[in-house]
Structure formats: C-alpha cells, structure tokens
C-alpha cells in the first residue's frame, strides 16, 4: 500500500478552491484514468463523522491522466476558520486508494 502524497491546503472562506492533478507512472508517462472516479472531503479531524466540505471532482482529460477537484465559493462561504484535515481518493473499479492527504487550514478572506 502506497503512502498518500502530503498536500496541505489553504482554504479561504468565500473563494473557489481547486486541486488539479495529473497522474503519471514512475517514468513520467501519463496514466489513462478512463473509468476512474475521484472524491475528496475536508473534515475537522479524520475521525469526524461528518464532512465540513465535499469537493466536486471531474476528469479533465482521461488519456492524459488529468482531473480536478473543486470547492465552490458557495461551499467555502459556509465554512468557519479552523485547522482541519482533507484527503483525495481514487476509485479504480472498486479499488479505493487515497492519493493525497494533509492539513486544511481554513481562514477568513479580507475582501468581502
């Protein structure tokens, strides 16, 4: 089992936040992600029963291994300042793999 990449997030309340990913093999060749799905959430802590926010994930270019996960400004507007955690998972034919994880620092925007 591979260790997820450590990827800390800085989320500004009211901003759109996007994590763009390109999957490549060890030689730097794009992995075709056709048929795979992705999901990501922010939680107060890993053991929390409910998510603070859920990303919308979509494949941008399957043959080139590109996908993106986004928190809309409408979603981040409902957040409160916090130190939280997040992760991003891939579902490849029922095999679930956590690709990225880390701290998610949620802070207020100055311009409103």
PDB file of N, CA and C in Angstrom:
ATOM      1  N   UNK A   1       0.847  -1.170   0.000  1.00  0.00           N
ATOM      2  CA  UNK A   1       0.000   0.000   0.000  1.00  0.00           C
ATOM      3  C   UNK A   1       0.895   1.237   0.000  1.00  0.00           C
ATOM      4  N   UNK A   2       0.632   2.142  -0.932  1.00  0.00           N
ATOM      5  CA  UNK A   2       1.420   3.373  -1.055  1.00  0.00           C
ATOM      6  C   UNK A   2       0.941   4.418  -0.049  1.00  0.00           C
ATOM      7  N   UNK A   3       1.860   5.232   0.390  1.00  0.00           N
ATOM      8  CA  UNK A   3       1.533   6.334   1.290  1.00  0.00           C
ATOM      9  C   UNK A   3       1.003   7.496   0.463  1.00  0.00           C
ATOM     10  N   UNK A   4      -0.104   8.110   0.873  1.00  0.00           N
ATOM     11  CA  UNK A   4      -0.620   9.250   0.116  1.00  0.00           C
ATOM     12  C   UNK A   4       0.387  10.401   0.110  1.00  0.00           C
ATOM     13  N   UNK A   5       0.388  11.170  -0.964  1.00  0.00           N
ATOM     14  CA  UNK A   5       1.229  12.358  -1.034  1.00  0.00           C
ATOM     15  C   UNK A   5       0.724  13.373  -0.012  1.00  0.00           C
ATOM     16  N   UNK A   6       1.641  13.978   0.745  1.00  0.00           N
ATOM     17  CA  UNK A   6       1.276  15.022   1.692  1.00  0.00           C
ATOM     18  C   UNK A   6       1.051  16.313   0.916  1.00  0.00           C
ATOM     19  N   UNK A   7      -0.171  16.848   0.985  1.00  0.00           N
ATOM     20  CA  UNK A   7      -0.521  18.038   0.228  1.00  0.00           C
ATOM     21  C   UNK A   7      -1.381  18.939   1.112  1.00  0.00           C
ATOM     22  N   UNK A   8      -0.755  19.885   1.815  1.00  0.00           N
ATOM     23  CA  UNK A   8      -1.528  20.792   2.664  1.00  0.00           C
ATOM     24  C   UNK A   8      -2.339  21.774   1.827  1.00  0.00           C
ATOM     25  N   UNK A   9      -3.529  22.089   2.307  1.00  0.00           N
ATOM     26  CA  UNK A   9      -4.401  23.055   1.632  1.00  0.00           C
ATOM     27  C   UNK A   9      -4.558  24.302   2.481  1.00  0.00           C
ATOM     28  N   UNK A  10      -4.682  25.424   1.808  1.00  0.00           N
ATOM     29  CA  UNK A  10      -5.036  26.682   2.444  1.00  0.00           C
ATOM     30  C   UNK A  10      -6.337  27.133   1.789  1.00  0.00           C
ATOM     31  N   UNK A  11      -7.431  27.088   2.543  1.00  0.00           N
ATOM     32  CA  UNK A  11      -8.756  27.409   2.009  1.00  0.00           C
ATOM     33  C   UNK A  11      -9.195  28.762   2.552  1.00  0.00           C
ATOM     34  N   UNK A  12      -9.532  29.658   1.655  1.00  0.00           N
ATOM     35  CA  UNK A  12     -10.053  30.973   2.042  1.00  0.00           C
ATOM     36  C   UNK A  12     -11.573  30.940   1.960  1.00  0.00           C
ATOM     37  N   UNK A  13     -12.222  31.314   3.047  1.00  0.00           N
ATOM     38  CA  UNK A  13     -13.678  31.345   3.094  1.00  0.00           C
ATOM     39  C   UNK A  13     -14.183  32.290   2.001  1.00  0.00           C
ATOM     40  N   UNK A  14     -15.099  31.792   1.167  1.00  0.00           N
ATOM     41  CA  UNK A  14     -15.677  32.570   0.082  1.00  0.00           C
ATOM     42  C   UNK A  14     -14.966  32.418  -1.247  1.00  0.00           C
ATOM     43  N   UNK A  15     -13.789  31.789  -1.266  1.00  0.00           N
ATOM     44  CA  UNK A  15     -13.044  31.589  -2.513  1.00  0.00           C
ATOM     45  C   UNK A  15     -13.354  30.226  -3.114  1.00  0.00           C
ATOM     46  N   UNK A  16     -13.176  30.130  -4.423  1.00  0.00           N
ATOM     47  CA  UNK A  16     -13.215  28.839  -5.108  1.00  0.00           C
ATOM     48  C   UNK A  16     -11.835  28.219  -4.968  1.00  0.00           C
ATOM     49  N   UNK A  17     -11.787  26.974  -4.533  1.00  0.00           N
ATOM     50  CA  UNK A  17     -10.518  26.268  -4.336  1.00  0.00           C
ATOM     51  C   UNK A  17     -10.486  25.036  -5.231  1.00  0.00           C
ATOM     52  N   UNK A  18      -9.461  24.924  -6.064  1.00  0.00           N
ATOM     53  CA  UNK A  18      -9.340  23.788  -6.977  1.00  0.00           C
ATOM     54  C   UNK A  18      -7.999  23.091  -6.796  1.00  0.00           C
ATOM     55  N   UNK A  19      -8.046  21.771  -6.722  1.00  0.00           N
ATOM     56  CA  UNK A  19      -6.845  20.936  -6.709  1.00  0.00           C
ATOM     57  C   UNK A  19      -6.813  20.229  -8.065  1.00  0.00           C
ATOM     58  N   UNK A  20      -5.801  20.555  -8.879  1.00  0.00           N
ATOM     59  CA  UNK A  20      -5.644  19.939 -10.194  1.00  0.00           C
ATOM     60  C   UNK A  20      -4.554  18.879 -10.107  1.00  0.00           C
ATOM     61  N   UNK A  21      -4.829  17.688 -10.670  1.00  0.00           N
ATOM     62  CA  UNK A  21      -3.919  16.559 -10.549  1.00  0.00           C
ATOM     63  C   UNK A  21      -3.667  15.949 -11.922  1.00  0.00           C
ATOM     64  N   UNK A  22      -2.411  15.561 -12.161  1.00  0.00           N
ATOM     65  CA  UNK A  22      -2.044  14.772 -13.333  1.00  0.00           C
ATOM     66  C   UNK A  22      -1.350  13.518 -12.822  1.00  0.00           C
ATOM     67  N   UNK A  23      -1.923  12.351 -13.111  1.00  0.00           N
ATOM     68  CA  UNK A  23      -1.334  11.085 -12.664  1.00  0.00           C
ATOM     69  C   UNK A  23      -0.359  10.568 -13.714  1.00  0.00           C
ATOM     70  N   UNK A  24       0.844  10.211 -13.236  1.00  0.00           N
ATOM     71  CA  UNK A  24       1.891   9.689 -14.108  1.00  0.00           C
ATOM     72  C   UNK A  24       2.516   8.465 -13.460  1.00  0.00           C
ATOM     73  N   UNK A  25       3.080   7.590 -14.303  1.00  0.00           N
ATOM     74  CA  UNK A  25       3.798   6.438 -13.759  1.00  0.00           C
ATOM     75  C   UNK A  25       5.212   6.862 -13.360  1.00  0.00           C
ATOM     76  N   UNK A  26       6.008   5.925 -12.899  1.00  0.00           N
ATOM     77  CA  UNK A  26       7.364   6.222 -12.413  1.00  0.00           C
ATOM     78  C   UNK A  26       8.265   6.813 -13.498  1.00  0.00           C
ATOM     79  N   UNK A  27       7.930   6.579 -14.767  1.00  0.00           N
ATOM     80  CA  UNK A  27       8.727   7.122 -15.874  1.00  0.00           C
ATOM     81  C   UNK A  27       8.210   8.470 -16.361  1.00  0.00           C
ATOM     82  N   UNK A  28       7.165   9.000 -15.698  1.00  0.00           N
ATOM     83  CA  UNK A  28       6.620  10.294 -16.093  1.00  0.00           C
ATOM     84  C   UNK A  28       5.610  10.220 -17.225  1.00  0.00           C
ATOM     85  N   UNK A  29       5.164   9.010 -17.542  1.00  0.00           N
ATOM     86  CA  UNK A  29       4.170   8.817 -18.605  1.00  0.00           C
ATOM     87  C   UNK A  29       2.772   8.916 -17.991  1.00  0.00           C
ATOM     88  N   UNK A  30       1.892   9.658 -18.664  1.00  0.00           N
ATOM     89  CA  UNK A  30       0.527   9.830 -18.169  1.00  0.00           C
ATOM     90  C   UNK A  30      -0.183   8.491 -18.022  1.00  0.00           C
ATOM     91  N   UNK A  31      -0.949   8.356 -16.950  1.00  0.00           N
ATOM     92  CA  UNK A  31      -1.763   7.165 -16.703  1.00  0.00           C
ATOM     93  C   UNK A  31      -3.169   7.453 -17.210  1.00  0.00           C
ATOM     94  N   UNK A  32      -3.682   6.609 -18.076  1.00  0.00           N
ATOM     95  CA  UNK A  32      -5.046   6.775 -18.583  1.00  0.00           C
ATOM     96  C   UNK A  32      -6.016   6.459 -17.447  1.00  0.00           C
ATOM     97  N   UNK A  33      -6.847   7.416 -17.084  1.00  0.00           N
ATOM     98  CA  UNK A  33      -7.749   7.256 -15.936  1.00  0.00           C
ATOM     99  C   UNK A  33      -9.209   7.058 -16.363  1.00  0.00           C
ATOM    100  N   UNK A  34      -9.416   6.636 -17.595  1.00  0.00           N
ATOM    101  CA  UNK A  34     -10.770   6.369 -18.078  1.00  0.00           C
ATOM    102  C   UNK A  34     -11.474   5.384 -17.139  1.00  0.00           C
ATOM    103  N   UNK A  35     -12.699   5.723 -16.737  1.00  0.00           N
ATOM    104  CA  UNK A  35     -13.488   4.847 -15.876  1.00  0.00           C
ATOM    105  C   UNK A  35     -13.233   5.009 -14.393  1.00  0.00           C
ATOM    106  N   UNK A  36     -12.245   5.794 -14.030  1.00  0.00           N
ATOM    107  CA  UNK A  36     -11.961   6.002 -12.611  1.00  0.00           C
ATOM    108  C   UNK A  36     -12.775   7.196 -12.099  1.00  0.00           C
ATOM    109  N   UNK A  37     -13.030   7.205 -10.802  1.00  0.00           N
ATOM    110  CA  UNK A  37     -13.710   8.350 -10.191  1.00  0.00           C
ATOM    111  C   UNK A  37     -12.887   8.846  -9.007  1.00  0.00           C
ATOM    112  N   UNK A  38     -13.135  10.089  -8.636  1.00  0.00           N
ATOM    113  CA  UNK A  38     -12.354  10.732  -7.578  1.00  0.00           C
ATOM    114  C   UNK A  38     -13.292  11.446  -6.617  1.00  0.00           C
ATOM    115  N   UNK A  39     -12.910  11.454  -5.343  1.00  0.00           N
ATOM    116  CA  UNK A  39     -13.686  12.150  -4.315  1.00  0.00           C
ATOM    117  C   UNK A  39     -12.722  12.724  -3.286  1.00  0.00           C
ATOM    118  N   UNK A  40     -13.145  13.838  -2.692  1.00  0.00           N
ATOM    119  CA  UNK A  40     -12.310  14.500  -1.683  1.00  0.00           C
ATOM    120  C   UNK A  40     -13.208  15.226  -0.695  1.00  0.00           C
ATOM    121  N   UNK A  41     -12.780  15.227   0.557  1.00  0.00           N
ATOM    122  CA  UNK A  41     -13.528  15.905   1.617  1.00  0.00           C
ATOM    123  C   UNK A  41     -12.585  16.582   2.594  1.00  0.00           C
ATOM    124  N   UNK A  42     -13.139  17.584   3.279  1.00  0.00           N
ATOM    125  CA  UNK A  42     -12.468  18.245   4.401  1.00  0.00           C
ATOM    126  C   UNK A  42     -13.267  17.881   5.649  1.00  0.00           C
ATOM    127  N   UNK A  43     -12.560  17.472   6.696  1.00  0.00           N
ATOM    128  CA  UNK A  43     -13.203  17.161   7.977  1.00  0.00           C
ATOM    129  C   UNK A  43     -12.436  17.848   9.107  1.00  0.00           C
ATOM    130  N   UNK A  44     -13.114  18.066  10.222  1.00  0.00           N
ATOM    131  CA  UNK A  44     -12.459  18.686  11.376  1.00  0.00           C
ATOM    132  C   UNK A  44     -11.253  17.854  11.796  1.00  0.00           C
ATOM    133  N   UNK A  45     -11.446  16.548  11.860  1.00  0.00           N
ATOM    134  CA  UNK A  45     -10.364  15.589  12.095  1.00  0.00           C
ATOM    135  C   UNK A  45     -10.744  14.308  11.369  1.00  0.00           C
ATOM    136  N   UNK A  46      -9.788  13.434  11.169  1.00  0.00           N
ATOM    137  CA  UNK A  46     -10.034  12.221  10.382  1.00  0.00           C
ATOM    138  C   UNK A  46     -11.174  11.383  10.948  1.00  0.00           C
ATOM    139  N   UNK A  47     -11.345  11.388  12.256  1.00  0.00           N
ATOM    140  CA  UNK A  47     -12.381  10.572  12.892  1.00  0.00           C
ATOM    141  C   UNK A  47     -13.756  11.239  12.925  1.00  0.00           C
ATOM    142  N   UNK A  48     -13.865  12.473  12.448  1.00  0.00           N
ATOM    143  CA  UNK A  48     -15.160  13.175  12.452  1.00  0.00           C
ATOM    144  C   UNK A  48     -16.170  12.428  11.592  1.00  0.00           C
ATOM    145  N   UNK A  49     -17.416  12.358  12.075  1.00  0.00           N
ATOM    146  CA  UNK A  49     -18.442  11.622  11.343  1.00  0.00           C
ATOM    147  C   UNK A  49     -19.020  12.396  10.171  1.00  0.00           C
ATOM    148  N   UNK A  50     -18.924  13.717  10.187  1.00  0.00           N
ATOM    149  CA  UNK A  50     -19.466  14.495   9.072  1.00  0.00           C
ATOM    150  C   UNK A  50     -18.378  15.368   8.453  1.00  0.00           C
ATOM    151  N   UNK A  51     -18.547  15.616   7.162  1.00  0.00           N
ATOM    152  CA  UNK A  51     -17.594  16.442   6.425  1.00  0.00           C
ATOM    153  C   UNK A  51     -17.930  17.917   6.595  1.00  0.00           C
ATOM    154  N   UNK A  52     -16.892  18.745   6.667  1.00  0.00           N
ATOM    155  CA  UNK A  52     -17.086  20.191   6.647  1.00  0.00           C
ATOM    156  C   UNK A  52     -17.383  20.653   5.219  1.00  0.00           C
ATOM    157  N   UNK A  53     -16.757  19.990   4.246  1.00  0.00           N
ATOM    158  CA  UNK A  53     -16.952  20.342   2.838  1.00  0.00           C
ATOM    159  C   UNK A  53     -16.612  19.140   1.968  1.00  0.00           C
ATOM    160  N   UNK A  54     -17.323  19.032   0.855  1.00  0.00           N
ATOM    161  CA  UNK A  54     -17.079  17.973  -0.113  1.00  0.00           C
ATOM    162  C   UNK A  54     -16.758  18.597  -1.465  1.00  0.00           C
ATOM    163  N   UNK A  55     -15.649  18.165  -2.047  1.00  0.00           N
ATOM    164  CA  UNK A  55     -15.225  18.648  -3.351  1.00  0.00           C
ATOM    165  C   UNK A  55     -16.087  18.032  -4.451  1.00  0.00           C
ATOM    166  N   UNK A  56     -16.213  18.736  -5.566  1.00  0.00           N
ATOM    167  CA  UNK A  56     -16.770  18.191  -6.797  1.00  0.00           C
ATOM    168  C   UNK A  56     -15.585  17.838  -7.676  1.00  0.00           C
ATOM    169  N   UNK A  57     -15.462  16.558  -8.022  1.00  0.00           N
ATOM    170  CA  UNK A  57     -14.313  16.093  -8.811  1.00  0.00           C
ATOM    171  C   UNK A  57     -14.763  15.676 -10.198  1.00  0.00           C
ATOM    172  N   UNK A  58     -13.950  16.036 -11.195  1.00  0.00           N
ATOM    173  CA  UNK A  58     -14.263  15.653 -12.570  1.00  0.00           C
ATOM    174  C   UNK A  58     -12.979  15.410 -13.345  1.00  0.00           C
ATOM    175  N   UNK A  59     -13.075  14.495 -14.301  1.00  0.00           N
ATOM    176  CA  UNK A  59     -11.933  14.206 -15.165  1.00  0.00           C
ATOM    177  C   UNK A  59     -11.841  15.297 -16.224  1.00  0.00           C
ATOM    178  N   UNK A  60     -10.647  15.848 -16.378  1.00  0.00           N
ATOM    179  CA  UNK A  60     -10.394  16.910 -17.353  1.00  0.00           C
ATOM    180  C   UNK A  60      -9.946  16.302 -18.686  1.00  0.00           C
ATOM    181  N   UNK A  61      -9.018  15.333 -18.629  1.00  0.00           N
ATOM    182  CA  UNK A  61      -8.528  14.643 -19.823  1.00  0.00           C
ATOM    183  C   UNK A  61      -8.061  13.252 -19.368  1.00  0.00           C
ATOM    184  N   UNK A  62      -8.900  12.248 -19.583  1.00  0.00           N
ATOM    185  CA  UNK A  62      -8.615  10.903 -19.074  1.00  0.00           C
ATOM    186  C   UNK A  62      -7.335  10.321 -19.659  1.00  0.00           C
ATOM    187  N   UNK A  63      -7.128  10.470 -20.963  1.00  0.00           N
ATOM    188  CA  UNK A  63      -5.945   9.889 -21.610  1.00  0.00           C
ATOM    189  C   UNK A  63      -4.655  10.499 -21.075  1.00  0.00           C
ATOM    190  N   UNK A  64      -4.710  11.758 -20.655  1.00  0.00           N
ATOM    191  CA  UNK A  64      -3.531  12.430 -20.112  1.00  0.00           C
ATOM    192  C   UNK A  64      -3.467  12.351 -18.595  1.00  0.00           C
ATOM    193  N   UNK A  65      -4.391  11.624 -17.953  1.00  0.00           N
ATOM    194  CA  UNK A  65      -4.373  11.437 -16.508  1.00  0.00           C
ATOM    195  C   UNK A  65      -4.730  12.665 -15.703  1.00  0.00           C
ATOM    196  N   UNK A  66      -5.514  13.584 -16.290  1.00  0.00           N
ATOM    197  CA  UNK A  66      -5.813  14.863 -15.623  1.00  0.00           C
ATOM    198  C   UNK A  66      -7.232  14.902 -15.064  1.00  0.00           C
ATOM    199  N   UNK A  67      -7.324  15.304 -13.794  1.00  0.00           N
ATOM    200  CA  UNK A  67      -8.619  15.545 -13.176  1.00  0.00           C
ATOM    201  C   UNK A  67      -8.491  16.707 -12.200  1.00  0.00           C
ATOM    202  N   UNK A  68      -9.626  17.237 -11.768  1.00  0.00           N
ATOM    203  CA  UNK A  68      -9.630  18.369 -10.841  1.00  0.00           C
ATOM    204  C   UNK A  68     -10.743  18.184  -9.825  1.00  0.00           C
ATOM    205  N   UNK A  69     -10.486  18.630  -8.607  1.00  0.00           N
ATOM    206  CA  UNK A  69     -11.471  18.619  -7.527  1.00  0.00           C
ATOM    207  C   UNK A  69     -11.626  20.050  -7.031  1.00  0.00           C
ATOM    208  N   UNK A  70     -12.880  20.509  -6.944  1.00  0.00           N
ATOM    209  CA  UNK A  70     -13.140  21.923  -6.649  1.00  0.00           C
ATOM    210  C   UNK A  70     -14.121  22.085  -5.500  1.00  0.00           C
ATOM    211  N   UNK A  71     -13.819  23.058  -4.652  1.00  0.00           N
ATOM    212  CA  UNK A  71     -14.772  23.553  -3.661  1.00  0.00           C
ATOM    213  C   UNK A  71     -15.283  24.879  -4.215  1.00  0.00           C
ATOM    214  N   UNK A  72     -16.578  24.995  -4.416  1.00  0.00           N
ATOM    215  CA  UNK A  72     -17.152  26.231  -4.951  1.00  0.00           C
ATOM    216  C   UNK A  72     -17.112  27.332  -3.893  1.00  0.00           C
ATOM    217  N   UNK A  73     -17.227  28.567  -4.349  1.00  0.00           N
ATOM    218  CA  UNK A  73     -17.267  29.680  -3.391  1.00  0.00           C
ATOM    219  C   UNK A  73     -18.501  29.565  -2.500  1.00  0.00           C
ATOM    220  N   UNK A  74     -19.605  29.031  -3.048  1.00  0.00           N
ATOM    221  CA  UNK A  74     -20.814  28.826  -2.232  1.00  0.00           C
ATOM    222  C   UNK A  74     -20.545  27.840  -1.101  1.00  0.00           C
ATOM    223  N   UNK A  75     -19.723  26.827  -1.369  1.00  0.00           N
ATOM    224  CA  UNK A  75     -19.368  25.844  -0.340  1.00  0.00           C
ATOM    225  C   UNK A  75     -18.441  26.448   0.698  1.00  0.00           C
ATOM    226  N   UNK A  76     -17.389  27.146   0.253  1.00  0.00           N
ATOM    227  CA  UNK A  76     -16.420  27.686   1.218  1.00  0.00           C
ATOM    228  C   UNK A  76     -17.012  28.833   2.038  1.00  0.00           C
ATOM    229  N   UNK A  77     -18.023  29.518   1.512  1.00  0.00           N
ATOM    230  CA  UNK A  77     -18.672  30.596   2.264  1.00  0.00           C
ATOM    231  C   UNK A  77     -19.276  30.075   3.558  1.00  0.00           C
ATOM    232  N   UNK A  78     -19.683  28.810   3.567  1.00  0.00           N
ATOM    233  CA  UNK A  78     -20.323  28.216   4.744  1.00  0.00           C
ATOM    234  C   UNK A  78     -19.336  27.653   5.760  1.00  0.00           C
ATOM    235  N   UNK A  79     -18.033  27.771   5.486  1.00  0.00           N
ATOM    236  CA  UNK A  79     -17.024  27.259   6.420  1.00  0.00           C
ATOM    237  C   UNK A  79     -16.691  28.295   7.487  1.00  0.00           C
ATOM    238  N   UNK A  80     -16.145  27.826   8.583  1.00  0.00           N
ATOM    239  CA  UNK A  80     -15.645  28.689   9.657  1.00  0.00           C
ATOM    240  C   UNK A  80     -14.139  28.472   9.759  1.00  0.00           C
ATOM    241  N   UNK A  81     -13.405  29.485  10.239  1.00  0.00           N
ATOM    242  CA  UNK A  81     -11.960  29.311  10.398  1.00  0.00           C
ATOM    243  C   UNK A  81     -11.655  28.071  11.248  1.00  0.00           C
ATOM    244  N   UNK A  82     -10.686  27.283  10.795  1.00  0.00           N
ATOM    245  CA  UNK A  82     -10.348  26.047  11.512  1.00  0.00           C
ATOM    246  C   UNK A  82      -9.053  25.462  10.967  1.00  0.00           C
ATOM    247  N   UNK A  83      -8.439  24.616  11.772  1.00  0.00           N
ATOM    248  CA  UNK A  83      -7.379  23.724  11.307  1.00  0.00           C
ATOM    249  C   UNK A  83      -8.032  22.371  11.168  1.00  0.00           C
ATOM    250  N   UNK A  84      -8.091  21.881   9.937  1.00  0.00           N
ATOM    251  CA  UNK A  84      -8.807  20.646   9.639  1.00  0.00           C
ATOM    252  C   UNK A  84      -7.885  19.709   8.861  1.00  0.00           C
ATOM    253  N   UNK A  85      -8.454  18.632   8.339  1.00  0.00           N
ATOM    254  CA  UNK A  85      -7.716  17.674   7.511  1.00  0.00           C
ATOM    255  C   UNK A  85      -8.536  17.399   6.254  1.00  0.00           C
ATOM    256  N   UNK A  86      -7.867  16.888   5.233  1.00  0.00           N
ATOM    257  CA  UNK A  86      -8.548  16.548   3.990  1.00  0.00           C
ATOM    258  C   UNK A  86      -7.844  15.369   3.343  1.00  0.00           C
ATOM    259  N   UNK A  87      -8.532  14.697   2.439  1.00  0.00           N
ATOM    260  CA  UNK A  87      -7.864  13.735   1.579  1.00  0.00           C
ATOM    261  C   UNK A  87      -8.614  13.603   0.266  1.00  0.00           C
ATOM    262  N   UNK A  88      -7.942  12.972  -0.686  1.00  0.00           N
ATOM    263  CA  UNK A  88      -8.470  12.767  -2.025  1.00  0.00           C
ATOM    264  C   UNK A  88      -8.300  11.294  -2.367  1.00  0.00           C
ATOM    265  N   UNK A  89      -9.399  10.655  -2.776  1.00  0.00           N
ATOM    266  CA  UNK A  89      -9.363   9.227  -3.061  1.00  0.00           C
ATOM    267  C   UNK A  89      -9.749   8.930  -4.503  1.00  0.00           C
ATOM    268  N   UNK A  90      -9.157   7.841  -5.000  1.00  0.00           N
ATOM    269  CA  UNK A  90      -9.479   7.337  -6.332  1.00  0.00           C
ATOM    270  C   UNK A  90     -10.223   6.024  -6.188  1.00  0.00           C
ATOM    271  N   UNK A  91     -11.262   5.844  -7.005  1.00  0.00           N
ATOM    272  CA  UNK A  91     -11.960   4.564  -7.106  1.00  0.00           C
ATOM    273  C   UNK A  91     -11.670   4.020  -8.492  1.00  0.00           C
ATOM    274  N   UNK A  92     -10.876   2.960  -8.541  1.00  0.00           N
ATOM    275  CA  UNK A  92     -10.496   2.330  -9.811  1.00  0.00           C
ATOM    276  C   UNK A  92     -11.103   0.928  -9.835  1.00  0.00           C
ATOM    277  N   UNK A  93     -12.337   0.830 -10.338  1.00  0.00           N
ATOM    278  CA  UNK A  93     -13.006  -0.460 -10.417  1.00  0.00           C
ATOM    279  C   UNK A  93     -13.276  -1.094  -9.069  1.00  0.00           C
ATOM    280  N   UNK A  94     -13.546  -0.285  -8.054  1.00  0.00           N
ATOM    281  CA  UNK A  94     -13.824  -0.794  -6.711  1.00  0.00           C
ATOM    282  C   UNK A  94     -12.612  -0.813  -5.793  1.00  0.00           C
ATOM    283  N   UNK A  95     -11.420  -0.570  -6.342  1.00  0.00           N
ATOM    284  CA  UNK A  95     -10.219  -0.450  -5.514  1.00  0.00           C
ATOM    285  C   UNK A  95     -10.064   1.021  -5.129  1.00  0.00           C
ATOM    286  N   UNK A  96     -10.150   1.286  -3.833  1.00  0.00           N
ATOM    287  CA  UNK A  96     -10.068   2.655  -3.326  1.00  0.00           C
ATOM    288  C   UNK A  96      -8.646   2.923  -2.862  1.00  0.00           C
ATOM    289  N   UNK A  97      -8.084   4.032  -3.341  1.00  0.00           N
ATOM    290  CA  UNK A  97      -6.725   4.423  -2.966  1.00  0.00           C
ATOM    291  C   UNK A  97      -6.725   5.898  -2.587  1.00  0.00           C
ATOM    292  N   UNK A  98      -6.168   6.223  -1.422  1.00  0.00           N
ATOM    293  CA  UNK A  98      -6.003   7.622  -1.038  1.00  0.00           C
ATOM    294  C   UNK A  98      -4.729   8.133  -1.705  1.00  0.00           C
ATOM    295  N   UNK A  99      -4.890   9.105  -2.602  1.00  0.00           N
ATOM    296  CA  UNK A  99      -3.762   9.632  -3.368  1.00  0.00           C
ATOM    297  C   UNK A  99      -3.059  10.787  -2.670  1.00  0.00           C
ATOM    298  N   UNK A 100      -3.842  11.648  -2.024  1.00  0.00           N
ATOM    299  CA  UNK A 100      -3.296  12.841  -1.368  1.00  0.00           C
ATOM    300  C   UNK A 100      -4.014  13.046  -0.045  1.00  0.00           C
ATOM    301  N   UNK A 101      -3.306  13.647   0.905  1.00  0.00           N
ATOM    302  CA  UNK A 101      -3.905  13.954   2.203  1.00  0.00           C
ATOM    303  C   UNK A 101      -3.071  15.025   2.877  1.00  0.00           C
ATOM    304  N   UNK A 102      -3.681  15.697   3.837  1.00  0.00           N
ATOM    305  CA  UNK A 102      -2.910  16.681   4.581  1.00  0.00           C
ATOM    306  C   UNK A 102      -3.781  17.587   5.418  1.00  0.00           C
ATOM    307  N   UNK A 103      -3.141  18.602   5.955  1.00  0.00           N
ATOM    308  CA  UNK A 103      -3.824  19.606   6.748  1.00  0.00           C
ATOM    309  C   UNK A 103      -4.587  20.533   5.825  1.00  0.00           C
ATOM    310  N   UNK A 104      -5.720  21.026   6.287  1.00  0.00           N
ATOM    311  CA  UNK A 104      -6.507  22.024   5.557  1.00  0.00           C
ATOM    312  C   UNK A 104      -6.731  23.194   6.500  1.00  0.00           C
ATOM    313  N   UNK A 105      -6.047  24.286   6.258  1.00  0.00           N
ATOM    314  CA  UNK A 105      -6.196  25.477   7.087  1.00  0.00           C
ATOM    315  C   UNK A 105      -7.265  26.356   6.441  1.00  0.00           C
ATOM    316  N   UNK A 106      -8.350  26.578   7.171  1.00  0.00           N
ATOM    317  CA  UNK A 106      -9.463  27.394   6.680  1.00  0.00           C
ATOM    318  C   UNK A 106      -9.360  28.758   7.349  1.00  0.00           C
ATOM    319  N   UNK A 107      -9.274  29.802   6.525  1.00  0.00           N
ATOM    320  CA  UNK A 107      -9.132  31.159   7.089  1.00  0.00           C
ATOM    321  C   UNK A 107     -10.058  32.140   6.398  1.00  0.00           C
ATOM    322  N   UNK A 108     -10.309  33.228   7.087  1.00  0.00           N
ATOM    323  CA  UNK A 108     -11.205  34.262   6.577  1.00  0.00           C
ATOM    324  C   UNK A 108     -10.532  35.019   5.430  1.00  0.00           C
ATOM    325  N   UNK A 109     -11.380  35.427   4.505  1.00  0.00           N
ATOM    326  CA  UNK A 109     -10.967  36.327   3.444  1.00  0.00           C
ATOM    327  C   UNK A 109     -11.032  37.752   3.978  1.00  0.00           C
ATOM    328  N   UNK A 110     -10.202  38.626   3.507  1.00  0.00           N
ATOM    329  CA  UNK A 110     -10.253  40.025   3.936  1.00  0.00           C
ATOM    330  C   UNK A 110     -11.268  40.790   3.100  1.00  0.00           C
ATOM    331  N   UNK A 111     -11.245  40.570   1.780  1.00  0.00           N
ATOM    332  CA  UNK A 111     -12.172  41.264   0.890  1.00  0.00           C
ATOM    333  C   UNK A 111     -13.490  40.512   0.873  1.00  0.00           C
ATOM    334  N   UNK A 112     -14.576  41.239   1.189  1.00  0.00           N
ATOM    335  CA  UNK A 112     -15.901  40.601   1.209  1.00  0.00           C
ATOM    336  C   UNK A 112     -16.865  41.408   0.369  1.00  0.00           C
TER     337      UNK A 112
END
